[in-house]
């Protein structure tokens, strides 16, 4: 249950948390992380 809830929070962040995330319109967090890591390299 806790893992499902944490996964739901990751996929559906709260409005306040979403404001801190620049690219929240991307398909998934993994894609977002890959893009961030790709741009920093």
C-alpha atoms as a PDB file:
ATOM      1  CA  UNK A   1       0.000   0.000   0.000  1.00  0.00           C
ATOM      2  CA  UNK A   2       2.750   2.460   0.907  1.00  0.00           C
ATOM      3  CA  UNK A   3       4.664   1.719  -2.293  1.00  0.00           C
ATOM      4  CA  UNK A   4       1.520   2.354  -4.339  1.00  0.00           C
ATOM      5  CA  UNK A   5       0.901   5.610  -2.523  1.00  0.00           C
ATOM      6  CA  UNK A   6       4.489   6.799  -3.021  1.00  0.00           C
ATOM      7  CA  UNK A   7       4.276   5.852  -6.703  1.00  0.00           C
ATOM      8  CA  UNK A   8       1.014   7.771  -7.004  1.00  0.00           C
ATOM      9  CA  UNK A   9       2.638  10.788  -5.367  1.00  0.00           C
ATOM     10  CA  UNK A  10       5.557  10.584  -7.805  1.00  0.00           C
ATOM     11  CA  UNK A  11       3.248  10.390 -10.817  1.00  0.00           C
ATOM     12  CA  UNK A  12       0.785  12.924  -9.399  1.00  0.00           C
ATOM     13  CA  UNK A  13       2.737  15.557  -7.458  1.00  0.00           C
ATOM     14  CA  UNK A  14       0.923  18.110  -5.347  1.00  0.00           C
ATOM     15  CA  UNK A  15       0.352  21.611  -6.822  1.00  0.00           C
ATOM     16  CA  UNK A  16       2.956  23.184  -4.527  1.00  0.00           C
ATOM     17  CA  UNK A  17       5.517  20.552  -5.466  1.00  0.00           C
ATOM     18  CA  UNK A  18       4.613  20.828  -9.152  1.00  0.00           C
ATOM     19  CA  UNK A  19       5.552  24.517  -9.094  1.00  0.00           C
ATOM     20  CA  UNK A  20       9.133  23.604  -8.132  1.00  0.00           C
ATOM     21  CA  UNK A  21       9.328  21.110 -11.011  1.00  0.00           C
ATOM     22  CA  UNK A  22      10.227  22.978 -14.233  1.00  0.00           C
ATOM     23  CA  UNK A  23       9.331  20.210 -16.695  1.00  0.00           C
ATOM     24  CA  UNK A  24       6.111  18.771 -15.264  1.00  0.00           C
ATOM     25  CA  UNK A  25       4.483  18.354 -18.695  1.00  0.00           C
ATOM     26  CA  UNK A  26       6.876  15.567 -19.711  1.00  0.00           C
ATOM     27  CA  UNK A  27       5.480  12.016 -20.096  1.00  0.00           C
ATOM     28  CA  UNK A  28       7.283  10.544 -17.075  1.00  0.00           C
ATOM     29  CA  UNK A  29       9.767  11.358 -14.302  1.00  0.00           C
ATOM     30  CA  UNK A  30      12.279   8.873 -15.722  1.00  0.00           C
ATOM     31  CA  UNK A  31      12.234  10.694 -19.064  1.00  0.00           C
ATOM     32  CA  UNK A  32      12.563  13.982 -17.202  1.00  0.00           C
ATOM     33  CA  UNK A  33      15.578  12.724 -15.253  1.00  0.00           C
ATOM     34  CA  UNK A  34      17.192  11.358 -18.424  1.00  0.00           C
ATOM     35  CA  UNK A  35      16.726  14.700 -20.129  1.00  0.00           C
ATOM     36  CA  UNK A  36      18.164  16.617 -17.149  1.00  0.00           C
ATOM     37  CA  UNK A  37      21.162  14.285 -16.915  1.00  0.00           C
ATOM     38  CA  UNK A  38      21.618  14.464 -20.677  1.00  0.00           C
ATOM     39  CA  UNK A  39      21.668  18.268 -20.663  1.00  0.00           C
ATOM     40  CA  UNK A  40      24.089  18.475 -17.731  1.00  0.00           C
ATOM     41  CA  UNK A  41      26.602  16.077 -19.339  1.00  0.00           C
END
